[in-house]
PDB file of N, CA and C in Angstrom:
ATOM      1  N   UNK A   1       0.762  -1.255   0.131  1.00  0.00           N
ATOM      2  CA  UNK A   1       0.000  -0.093  -0.006  1.00  0.00           C
ATOM      3  C   UNK A   1       0.500   0.889  -0.404  1.00  0.00           C
ATOM      4  N   UNK A   2       0.734   1.971  -1.007  1.00  0.00           N
ATOM      5  CA  UNK A   2       1.400   2.827  -1.009  1.00  0.00           C
ATOM      6  C   UNK A   2       1.173   4.501  -0.844  1.00  0.00           C
ATOM      7  N   UNK A   3       1.603   5.536  -0.428  1.00  0.00           N
ATOM      8  CA  UNK A   3       1.022   6.783   0.018  1.00  0.00           C
ATOM      9  C   UNK A   3       1.406   7.871  -0.893  1.00  0.00           C
ATOM     10  N   UNK A   4       2.207   6.420  -2.552  1.00  0.00           N
ATOM     11  CA  UNK A   4       3.010   8.003  -3.085  1.00  0.00           C
ATOM     12  C   UNK A   4       1.939   8.681  -3.921  1.00  0.00           C
ATOM     13  N   UNK A   5       2.144   9.770  -4.647  1.00  0.00           N
ATOM     14  CA  UNK A   5       0.860  10.445  -5.924  1.00  0.00           C
ATOM     15  C   UNK A   5       1.645  10.906  -6.616  1.00  0.00           C
ATOM     16  N   UNK A   6       0.631  11.423  -7.692  1.00  0.00           N
ATOM     17  CA  UNK A   6       1.529  11.588  -9.147  1.00  0.00           C
ATOM     18  C   UNK A   6       1.580  13.266  -8.363  1.00  0.00           C
ATOM     19  N   UNK A   7       2.118  14.532  -9.318  1.00  0.00           N
ATOM     20  CA  UNK A   7       1.928  15.716  -8.340  1.00  0.00           C
ATOM     21  C   UNK A   7       1.215  16.767  -8.513  1.00  0.00           C
ATOM     22  N   UNK A   8      -0.021  15.760  -9.753  1.00  0.00           N
ATOM     23  CA  UNK A   8      -1.714  17.057  -9.281  1.00  0.00           C
ATOM     24  C   UNK A   8      -2.954  16.300  -8.515  1.00  0.00           C
ATOM     25  N   UNK A   9      -1.693  14.936  -7.966  1.00  0.00           N
ATOM     26  CA  UNK A   9      -2.759  13.776  -7.330  1.00  0.00           C
ATOM     27  C   UNK A   9      -3.023  14.564  -5.313  1.00  0.00           C
ATOM     28  N   UNK A  10      -3.923  13.608  -4.475  1.00  0.00           N
ATOM     29  CA  UNK A  10      -3.516  14.122  -3.446  1.00  0.00           C
ATOM     30  C   UNK A  10      -4.506  12.184  -3.287  1.00  0.00           C
ATOM     31  N   UNK A  11      -2.462  12.125  -2.346  1.00  0.00           N
ATOM     32  CA  UNK A  11      -2.555  11.060  -1.891  1.00  0.00           C
ATOM     33  C   UNK A  11      -4.164  10.403  -1.270  1.00  0.00           C
ATOM     34  N   UNK A  12      -3.598   9.331  -1.819  1.00  0.00           N
ATOM     35  CA  UNK A  12      -4.814   7.421  -1.441  1.00  0.00           C
ATOM     36  C   UNK A  12      -5.239   7.972   0.171  1.00  0.00           C
ATOM     37  N   UNK A  13      -4.623   7.741   1.096  1.00  0.00           N
ATOM     38  CA  UNK A  13      -4.496   8.351   2.708  1.00  0.00           C
ATOM     39  C   UNK A  13      -5.234   9.428   2.556  1.00  0.00           C
ATOM     40  N   UNK A  14      -4.930  10.412   2.441  1.00  0.00           N
ATOM     41  CA  UNK A  14      -5.633  12.228   2.657  1.00  0.00           C
ATOM     42  C   UNK A  14      -7.123  11.739   2.083  1.00  0.00           C
ATOM     43  N   UNK A  15      -7.154  11.049   0.770  1.00  0.00           N
ATOM     44  CA  UNK A  15      -8.446  10.775   0.515  1.00  0.00           C
ATOM     45  C   UNK A  15      -9.523  10.336   1.929  1.00  0.00           C
ATOM     46  N   UNK A  16      -8.953   9.345   1.986  1.00  0.00           N
ATOM     47  CA  UNK A  16      -9.604   8.220   2.472  1.00  0.00           C
ATOM     48  C   UNK A  16     -10.554   8.340   4.428  1.00  0.00           C
ATOM     49  N   UNK A  17      -9.122   9.654   4.662  1.00  0.00           N
ATOM     50  CA  UNK A  17      -9.258  10.304   6.010  1.00  0.00           C
ATOM     51  C   UNK A  17     -10.302  11.692   5.483  1.00  0.00           C
ATOM     52  N   UNK A  18     -10.494  12.227   4.193  1.00  0.00           N
ATOM     53  CA  UNK A  18     -11.682  12.644   3.970  1.00  0.00           C
ATOM     54  C   UNK A  18     -13.054  12.737   3.593  1.00  0.00           C
ATOM     55  N   UNK A  19     -13.009  10.942   2.980  1.00  0.00           N
ATOM     56  CA  UNK A  19     -14.077  10.604   2.817  1.00  0.00           C
ATOM     57  C   UNK A  19     -14.624  10.052   4.433  1.00  0.00           C
ATOM     58  N   UNK A  20     -14.028   9.428   4.721  1.00  0.00           N
ATOM     59  CA  UNK A  20     -14.751   9.341   5.594  1.00  0.00           C
ATOM     60  C   UNK A  20     -14.510   7.733   6.080  1.00  0.00           C
ATOM     61  N   UNK A  21     -13.469   7.200   5.007  1.00  0.00           N
ATOM     62  CA  UNK A  21     -13.179   5.466   4.720  1.00  0.00           C
ATOM     63  C   UNK A  21     -12.085   4.919   5.904  1.00  0.00           C
ATOM     64  N   UNK A  22     -13.049   4.387   6.897  1.00  0.00           N
ATOM     65  CA  UNK A  22     -12.647   4.283   7.840  1.00  0.00           C
ATOM     66  C   UNK A  22     -11.650   2.603   7.805  1.00  0.00           C
ATOM     67  N   UNK A  23     -11.986   1.894   6.755  1.00  0.00           N
ATOM     68  CA  UNK A  23     -11.712   0.510   6.816  1.00  0.00           C
ATOM     69  C   UNK A  23     -10.467   0.923   6.108  1.00  0.00           C
ATOM     70  N   UNK A  24     -10.071   1.755   5.415  1.00  0.00           N
ATOM     71  CA  UNK A  24      -8.310   2.358   4.270  1.00  0.00           C
ATOM     72  C   UNK A  24      -7.914   3.005   5.549  1.00  0.00           C
ATOM     73  N   UNK A  25      -8.870   4.091   5.950  1.00  0.00           N
ATOM     74  CA  UNK A  25      -8.018   4.568   6.364  1.00  0.00           C
ATOM     75  C   UNK A  25      -7.183   3.508   7.904  1.00  0.00           C
ATOM     76  N   UNK A  26      -7.578   2.601   8.794  1.00  0.00           N
ATOM     77  CA  UNK A  26      -7.180   2.282   9.058  1.00  0.00           C
ATOM     78  C   UNK A  26      -5.582   0.747   8.340  1.00  0.00           C
ATOM     79  N   UNK A  27      -5.779   0.279   7.493  1.00  0.00           N
ATOM     80  CA  UNK A  27      -4.700  -0.532   6.392  1.00  0.00           C
ATOM     81  C   UNK A  27      -3.990   0.403   6.488  1.00  0.00           C
ATOM     82  N   UNK A  28      -4.120   1.922   6.179  1.00  0.00           N
ATOM     83  CA  UNK A  28      -2.991   2.421   5.933  1.00  0.00           C
ATOM     84  C   UNK A  28      -2.526   2.629   7.341  1.00  0.00           C
ATOM     85  N   UNK A  29      -2.908   3.289   8.647  1.00  0.00           N
ATOM     86  CA  UNK A  29      -2.144   2.663   9.564  1.00  0.00           C
ATOM     87  C   UNK A  29      -1.311   1.967   9.650  1.00  0.00           C
ATOM     88  N   UNK A  30      -2.244   1.299   9.870  1.00  0.00           N
ATOM     89  CA  UNK A  30      -1.233  -0.099   9.457  1.00  0.00           C
ATOM     90  C   UNK A  30       0.546  -0.071   9.280  1.00  0.00           C
ATOM     91  N   UNK A  31       0.052   0.015   7.785  1.00  0.00           N
ATOM     92  CA  UNK A  31       1.072   0.210   7.029  1.00  0.00           C
ATOM     93  C   UNK A  31       1.968   1.540   7.469  1.00  0.00           C
ATOM     94  N   UNK A  32       1.820   2.411   7.951  1.00  0.00           N
ATOM     95  CA  UNK A  32       2.141   2.838   8.074  1.00  0.00           C
ATOM     96  C   UNK A  32       3.089   3.517  10.118  1.00  0.00           C
ATOM     97  N   UNK A  33       2.717   2.223  10.287  1.00  0.00           N
ATOM     98  CA  UNK A  33       2.814   2.551  12.285  1.00  0.00           C
ATOM     99  C   UNK A  33       4.685   2.764  11.944  1.00  0.00           C
ATOM    100  N   UNK A  34       5.435   2.377  11.248  1.00  0.00           N
ATOM    101  CA  UNK A  34       6.414   2.201  11.319  1.00  0.00           C
ATOM    102  C   UNK A  34       7.436   4.037  11.694  1.00  0.00           C
ATOM    103  N   UNK A  35       6.453   4.868  11.380  1.00  0.00           N
ATOM    104  CA  UNK A  35       7.085   6.268  10.371  1.00  0.00           C
ATOM    105  C   UNK A  35       5.553   7.596  11.133  1.00  0.00           C
ATOM    106  N   UNK A  36       5.722   8.216  11.707  1.00  0.00           N
ATOM    107  CA  UNK A  36       4.735   8.830  12.247  1.00  0.00           C
ATOM    108  C   UNK A  36       4.371  10.684  10.646  1.00  0.00           C
ATOM    109  N   UNK A  37       5.499  10.496  10.192  1.00  0.00           N
ATOM    110  CA  UNK A  37       5.821  11.642   9.598  1.00  0.00           C
ATOM    111  C   UNK A  37       4.982  11.142   7.994  1.00  0.00           C
ATOM    112  N   UNK A  38       4.906   9.896   7.896  1.00  0.00           N
ATOM    113  CA  UNK A  38       3.738  10.002   7.380  1.00  0.00           C
ATOM    114  C   UNK A  38       2.758   9.868   7.617  1.00  0.00           C
ATOM    115  N   UNK A  39       1.842   9.964   8.701  1.00  0.00           N
ATOM    116  CA  UNK A  39       0.796  10.606   9.166  1.00  0.00           C
ATOM    117  C   UNK A  39       0.335  12.184   8.738  1.00  0.00           C
ATOM    118  N   UNK A  40       1.666  12.856   8.578  1.00  0.00           N
ATOM    119  CA  UNK A  40       1.321  14.018   8.729  1.00  0.00           C
ATOM    120  C   UNK A  40       2.091  14.799   7.729  1.00  0.00           C
ATOM    121  N   UNK A  41       1.697  14.133   5.961  1.00  0.00           N
ATOM    122  CA  UNK A  41       2.140  15.534   5.441  1.00  0.00           C
ATOM    123  C   UNK A  41       1.251  16.279   4.745  1.00  0.00           C
ATOM    124  N   UNK A  42       1.454  17.198   4.224  1.00  0.00           N
ATOM    125  CA  UNK A  42       0.987  18.180   4.186  1.00  0.00           C
ATOM    126  C   UNK A  42       0.307  18.561   2.550  1.00  0.00           C
ATOM    127  N   UNK A  43      -0.563  18.135   2.119  1.00  0.00           N
ATOM    128  CA  UNK A  43      -0.657  17.884   0.686  1.00  0.00           C
ATOM    129  C   UNK A  43      -0.957  19.248  -0.136  1.00  0.00           C
ATOM    130  N   UNK A  44      -0.029  19.750  -1.246  1.00  0.00           N
ATOM    131  CA  UNK A  44       0.296  20.610  -2.008  1.00  0.00           C
ATOM    132  C   UNK A  44      -0.719  21.011  -2.258  1.00  0.00           C
ATOM    133  N   UNK A  45      -1.864  20.069  -2.524  1.00  0.00           N
ATOM    134  CA  UNK A  45      -2.487  20.619  -3.542  1.00  0.00           C
ATOM    135  C   UNK A  45      -4.271  21.578  -2.661  1.00  0.00           C
ATOM    136  N   UNK A  46      -4.404  20.300  -1.576  1.00  0.00           N
ATOM    137  CA  UNK A  46      -5.285  20.663  -0.638  1.00  0.00           C
ATOM    138  C   UNK A  46      -4.771  21.921   0.679  1.00  0.00           C
ATOM    139  N   UNK A  47      -3.553  22.119   0.583  1.00  0.00           N
ATOM    140  CA  UNK A  47      -2.887  22.680   1.905  1.00  0.00           C
ATOM    141  C   UNK A  47      -2.835  22.185   3.622  1.00  0.00           C
ATOM    142  N   UNK A  48      -3.737  21.358   3.069  1.00  0.00           N
ATOM    143  CA  UNK A  48      -3.805  20.550   4.237  1.00  0.00           C
ATOM    144  C   UNK A  48      -3.245  19.066   5.055  1.00  0.00           C
ATOM    145  N   UNK A  49      -3.741  18.376   6.334  1.00  0.00           N
ATOM    146  CA  UNK A  49      -3.056  16.905   6.283  1.00  0.00           C
ATOM    147  C   UNK A  49      -4.544  16.650   6.539  1.00  0.00           C
ATOM    148  N   UNK A  50      -4.354  14.890   6.634  1.00  0.00           N
ATOM    149  CA  UNK A  50      -5.771  14.199   6.649  1.00  0.00           C
ATOM    150  C   UNK A  50      -5.979  14.247   7.664  1.00  0.00           C
ATOM    151  N   UNK A  51      -5.186  15.003   8.970  1.00  0.00           N
ATOM    152  CA  UNK A  51      -6.215  15.598  10.270  1.00  0.00           C
ATOM    153  C   UNK A  51      -7.074  16.027   9.842  1.00  0.00           C
ATOM    154  N   UNK A  52      -6.371  17.409   9.101  1.00  0.00           N
ATOM    155  CA  UNK A  52      -6.950  18.223   9.729  1.00  0.00           C
ATOM    156  C   UNK A  52      -8.820  18.350   8.218  1.00  0.00           C
ATOM    157  N   UNK A  53      -8.271  17.103   7.411  1.00  0.00           N
ATOM    158  CA  UNK A  53      -9.517  16.795   6.798  1.00  0.00           C
ATOM    159  C   UNK A  53     -10.620  15.874   7.130  1.00  0.00           C
ATOM    160  N   UNK A  54      -9.881  15.363   8.551  1.00  0.00           N
ATOM    161  CA  UNK A  54     -10.993  14.236   8.737  1.00  0.00           C
ATOM    162  C   UNK A  54     -11.793  15.228   9.711  1.00  0.00           C
ATOM    163  N   UNK A  55     -10.892  16.498  10.469  1.00  0.00           N
ATOM    164  CA  UNK A  55     -11.520  17.062  11.496  1.00  0.00           C
ATOM    165  C   UNK A  55     -12.741  17.871  10.551  1.00  0.00           C
ATOM    166  N   UNK A  56     -12.533  18.717   9.750  1.00  0.00           N
ATOM    167  CA  UNK A  56     -12.895  19.511   9.061  1.00  0.00           C
ATOM    168  C   UNK A  56     -14.389  18.994   8.226  1.00  0.00           C
ATOM    169  N   UNK A  57     -14.205  17.506   7.712  1.00  0.00           N
ATOM    170  CA  UNK A  57     -15.537  16.878   7.242  1.00  0.00           C
ATOM    171  C   UNK A  57     -16.199  16.184   8.450  1.00  0.00           C
ATOM    172  N   UNK A  58     -16.196  16.399   9.734  1.00  0.00           N
ATOM    173  CA  UNK A  58     -16.741  15.706  10.543  1.00  0.00           C
ATOM    174  C   UNK A  58     -16.559  14.435  10.500  1.00  0.00           C
ATOM    175  N   UNK A  59     -15.057  13.829  10.670  1.00  0.00           N
ATOM    176  CA  UNK A  59     -15.460  12.566  10.739  1.00  0.00           C
ATOM    177  C   UNK A  59     -14.851  11.504  11.996  1.00  0.00           C
ATOM    178  N   UNK A  60     -15.451  11.154  12.892  1.00  0.00           N
ATOM    179  CA  UNK A  60     -15.159  11.711  14.286  1.00  0.00           C
ATOM    180  C   UNK A  60     -14.568  10.197  14.350  1.00  0.00           C
ATOM    181  N   UNK A  61     -14.431   8.935  14.474  1.00  0.00           N
ATOM    182  CA  UNK A  61     -14.265   7.365  14.360  1.00  0.00           C
ATOM    183  C   UNK A  61     -12.367   7.991  13.555  1.00  0.00           C
ATOM    184  N   UNK A  62     -12.741   8.493  12.270  1.00  0.00           N
ATOM    185  CA  UNK A  62     -11.131   8.627  11.513  1.00  0.00           C
ATOM    186  C   UNK A  62     -10.322   9.683  12.274  1.00  0.00           C
ATOM    187  N   UNK A  63     -10.358  10.964  12.815  1.00  0.00           N
ATOM    188  CA  UNK A  63      -9.834  11.120  14.231  1.00  0.00           C
ATOM    189  C   UNK A  63      -9.351  10.773  15.335  1.00  0.00           C
ATOM    190  N   UNK A  64     -10.271  10.266  15.950  1.00  0.00           N
ATOM    191  CA  UNK A  64     -10.052   9.568  17.185  1.00  0.00           C
ATOM    192  C   UNK A  64      -8.743   8.896  16.557  1.00  0.00           C
ATOM    193  N   UNK A  65      -8.697   7.587  15.154  1.00  0.00           N
ATOM    194  CA  UNK A  65      -7.960   6.699  14.850  1.00  0.00           C
ATOM    195  C   UNK A  65      -6.705   7.701  15.041  1.00  0.00           C
ATOM    196  N   UNK A  66      -6.599   8.687  13.959  1.00  0.00           N
ATOM    197  CA  UNK A  66      -5.520   9.458  13.867  1.00  0.00           C
ATOM    198  C   UNK A  66      -4.345   9.855  14.983  1.00  0.00           C
ATOM    199  N   UNK A  67      -5.061  10.622  15.888  1.00  0.00           N
ATOM    200  CA  UNK A  67      -5.057  10.903  17.283  1.00  0.00           C
ATOM    201  C   UNK A  67      -4.328  10.021  18.372  1.00  0.00           C
ATOM    202  N   UNK A  68      -5.093   8.337  17.912  1.00  0.00           N
ATOM    203  CA  UNK A  68      -4.521   7.367  18.782  1.00  0.00           C
ATOM    204  C   UNK A  68      -3.066   7.107  18.208  1.00  0.00           C
ATOM    205  N   UNK A  69      -3.237   6.691  16.769  1.00  0.00           N
ATOM    206  CA  UNK A  69      -1.701   6.668  16.029  1.00  0.00           C
ATOM    207  C   UNK A  69      -0.593   8.001  16.260  1.00  0.00           C
ATOM    208  N   UNK A  70      -0.650   8.505  16.775  1.00  0.00           N
ATOM    209  CA  UNK A  70       0.134  10.102  17.323  1.00  0.00           C
ATOM    210  C   UNK A  70       0.591  10.904  16.094  1.00  0.00           C
ATOM    211  N   UNK A  71      -0.232  11.066  14.933  1.00  0.00           N
ATOM    212  CA  UNK A  71      -0.551  12.604  14.431  1.00  0.00           C
ATOM    213  C   UNK A  71      -0.636  13.659  14.880  1.00  0.00           C
ATOM    214  N   UNK A  72       0.450  14.596  14.646  1.00  0.00           N
ATOM    215  CA  UNK A  72       0.668  15.477  14.863  1.00  0.00           C
ATOM    216  C   UNK A  72      -0.424  16.547  14.862  1.00  0.00           C
ATOM    217  N   UNK A  73      -1.117  16.599  16.168  1.00  0.00           N
ATOM    218  CA  UNK A  73      -2.310  17.618  16.593  1.00  0.00           C
ATOM    219  C   UNK A  73      -2.355  19.399  15.888  1.00  0.00           C
ATOM    220  N   UNK A  74      -0.768  19.687  16.272  1.00  0.00           N
ATOM    221  CA  UNK A  74      -0.560  21.378  16.153  1.00  0.00           C
ATOM    222  C   UNK A  74      -0.310  21.812  15.002  1.00  0.00           C
ATOM    223  N   UNK A  75       0.002  20.732  13.617  1.00  0.00           N
ATOM    224  CA  UNK A  75       0.871  20.921  12.775  1.00  0.00           C
ATOM    225  C   UNK A  75      -0.329  21.951  12.409  1.00  0.00           C
ATOM    226  N   UNK A  76       0.405  23.287  11.481  1.00  0.00           N
ATOM    227  CA  UNK A  76      -0.811  24.744  10.904  1.00  0.00           C
ATOM    228  C   UNK A  76      -0.406  24.008   9.664  1.00  0.00           C
ATOM    229  N   UNK A  77      -2.044  24.033   8.836  1.00  0.00           N
ATOM    230  CA  UNK A  77      -2.361  24.460   7.360  1.00  0.00           C
ATOM    231  C   UNK A  77      -1.880  25.302   6.690  1.00  0.00           C
ATOM    232  N   UNK A  78      -2.294  25.438   4.911  1.00  0.00           N
ATOM    233  CA  UNK A  78      -1.669  26.463   4.549  1.00  0.00           C
ATOM    234  C   UNK A  78      -2.536  27.621   4.598  1.00  0.00           C
ATOM    235  N   UNK A  79      -4.008  26.704   5.374  1.00  0.00           N
ATOM    236  CA  UNK A  79      -4.515  28.728   5.629  1.00  0.00           C
ATOM    237  C   UNK A  79      -3.806  29.277   7.087  1.00  0.00           C
ATOM    238  N   UNK A  80      -3.200  28.487   7.838  1.00  0.00           N
ATOM    239  CA  UNK A  80      -2.730  28.867   9.323  1.00  0.00           C
ATOM    240  C   UNK A  80      -3.558  28.621  10.295  1.00  0.00           C
ATOM    241  N   UNK A  81      -4.105  27.258  10.232  1.00  0.00           N
ATOM    242  CA  UNK A  81      -4.865  26.416  11.045  1.00  0.00           C
ATOM    243  C   UNK A  81      -4.202  24.965  11.501  1.00  0.00           C
ATOM    244  N   UNK A  82      -4.769  25.266  12.524  1.00  0.00           N
ATOM    245  CA  UNK A  82      -4.373  23.479  13.036  1.00  0.00           C
ATOM    246  C   UNK A  82      -5.831  22.951  12.742  1.00  0.00           C
ATOM    247  N   UNK A  83      -5.973  21.145  12.993  1.00  0.00           N
ATOM    248  CA  UNK A  83      -6.692  20.794  12.477  1.00  0.00           C
ATOM    249  C   UNK A  83      -7.784  20.649  13.956  1.00  0.00           C
ATOM    250  N   UNK A  84      -7.573  21.480  15.280  1.00  0.00           N
ATOM    251  CA  UNK A  84      -8.403  21.588  16.196  1.00  0.00           C
ATOM    252  C   UNK A  84      -9.208  23.047  15.559  1.00  0.00           C
ATOM    253  N   UNK A  85      -8.994  23.752  15.331  1.00  0.00           N
ATOM    254  CA  UNK A  85      -9.404  25.103  14.313  1.00  0.00           C
ATOM    255  C   UNK A  85     -10.195  24.719  13.312  1.00  0.00           C
ATOM    256  N   UNK A  86      -9.922  23.609  12.384  1.00  0.00           N
ATOM    257  CA  UNK A  86     -11.107  23.429  11.169  1.00  0.00           C
ATOM    258  C   UNK A  86     -12.048  21.958  11.272  1.00  0.00           C
ATOM    259  N   UNK A  87     -11.775  22.328  12.949  1.00  0.00           N
ATOM    260  CA  UNK A  87     -12.934  20.765  13.339  1.00  0.00           C
ATOM    261  C   UNK A  87     -14.510  21.315  12.846  1.00  0.00           C
ATOM    262  N   UNK A  88     -15.203  20.045  12.201  1.00  0.00           N
ATOM    263  CA  UNK A  88     -16.797  20.475  12.338  1.00  0.00           C
ATOM    264  C   UNK A  88     -17.577  20.843  12.659  1.00  0.00           C
ATOM    265  N   UNK A  89     -17.330  20.618  14.467  1.00  0.00           N
ATOM    266  CA  UNK A  89     -18.090  20.641  15.654  1.00  0.00           C
ATOM    267  C   UNK A  89     -17.867  20.563  16.688  1.00  0.00           C
ATOM    268  N   UNK A  90     -18.221  20.453  17.830  1.00  0.00           N
ATOM    269  CA  UNK A  90     -17.845  20.728  18.966  1.00  0.00           C
ATOM    270  C   UNK A  90     -17.142  19.046  19.470  1.00  0.00           C
ATOM    271  N   UNK A  91     -18.103  18.283  18.798  1.00  0.00           N
ATOM    272  CA  UNK A  91     -17.729  16.514  19.063  1.00  0.00           C
ATOM    273  C   UNK A  91     -16.574  15.829  18.765  1.00  0.00           C
ATOM    274  N   UNK A  92     -16.438  17.193  17.162  1.00  0.00           N
ATOM    275  CA  UNK A  92     -14.289  16.695  17.015  1.00  0.00           C
ATOM    276  C   UNK A  92     -13.978  17.083  18.040  1.00  0.00           C
ATOM    277  N   UNK A  93     -13.931  18.688  18.393  1.00  0.00           N
ATOM    278  CA  UNK A  93     -12.978  19.691  19.361  1.00  0.00           C
ATOM    279  C   UNK A  93     -13.129  18.826  20.563  1.00  0.00           C
ATOM    280  N   UNK A  94     -13.744  17.871  21.212  1.00  0.00           N
ATOM    281  CA  UNK A  94     -13.329  17.304  22.518  1.00  0.00           C
ATOM    282  C   UNK A  94     -12.584  15.898  22.004  1.00  0.00           C
ATOM    283  N   UNK A  95     -12.483  16.047  20.367  1.00  0.00           N
ATOM    284  CA  UNK A  95     -11.439  14.784  20.790  1.00  0.00           C
ATOM    285  C   UNK A  95     -10.082  15.334  20.861  1.00  0.00           C
ATOM    286  N   UNK A  96      -9.818  16.455  20.822  1.00  0.00           N
ATOM    287  CA  UNK A  96      -8.255  17.400  21.577  1.00  0.00           C
ATOM    288  C   UNK A  96      -7.772  17.154  22.609  1.00  0.00           C
ATOM    289  N   UNK A  97      -9.527  17.318  23.680  1.00  0.00           N
ATOM    290  CA  UNK A  97      -8.716  17.377  24.821  1.00  0.00           C
ATOM    291  C   UNK A  97      -7.793  16.290  25.228  1.00  0.00           C
ATOM    292  N   UNK A  98      -7.049  16.403  26.593  1.00  0.00           N
ATOM    293  CA  UNK A  98      -6.404  15.449  26.952  1.00  0.00           C
ATOM    294  C   UNK A  98      -7.102  15.211  28.583  1.00  0.00           C
ATOM    295  N   UNK A  99      -6.954  14.000  28.453  1.00  0.00           N
ATOM    296  CA  UNK A  99      -7.848  13.818  29.804  1.00  0.00           C
ATOM    297  C   UNK A  99      -7.176  14.704  31.267  1.00  0.00           C
ATOM    298  N   UNK A 100      -8.032  14.785  32.353  1.00  0.00           N
ATOM    299  CA  UNK A 100      -7.676  15.659  33.458  1.00  0.00           C
ATOM    300  C   UNK A 100      -7.010  14.514  34.037  1.00  0.00           C
ATOM    301  N   UNK A 101      -5.633  14.306  35.212  1.00  0.00           N
ATOM    302  CA  UNK A 101      -5.877  13.733  35.742  1.00  0.00           C
ATOM    303  C   UNK A 101      -4.673  13.675  36.665  1.00  0.00           C
TER     304      UNK A 101
END
């Protein structure tokens, strides 16, 4: 499974996160578990990361998976926003809260 793309295309991993394809995201996460850099690419054509896309489109389960796998929560997209700031709703924003303890 490859996250490579042609220069004018968006990666399959990004599209899976944006489109809410939980099963495909899980497959990519298993393949990418060696390096977290692959979880945080800024897609050149959309200026956002897979986490930004999942947050923006309100895909709660995918956001949970990405955060659990160590996705960079603080990465800024091409519009100067974090994934938290791009979140579709409060339910998604709550996933960024760390437990108090």
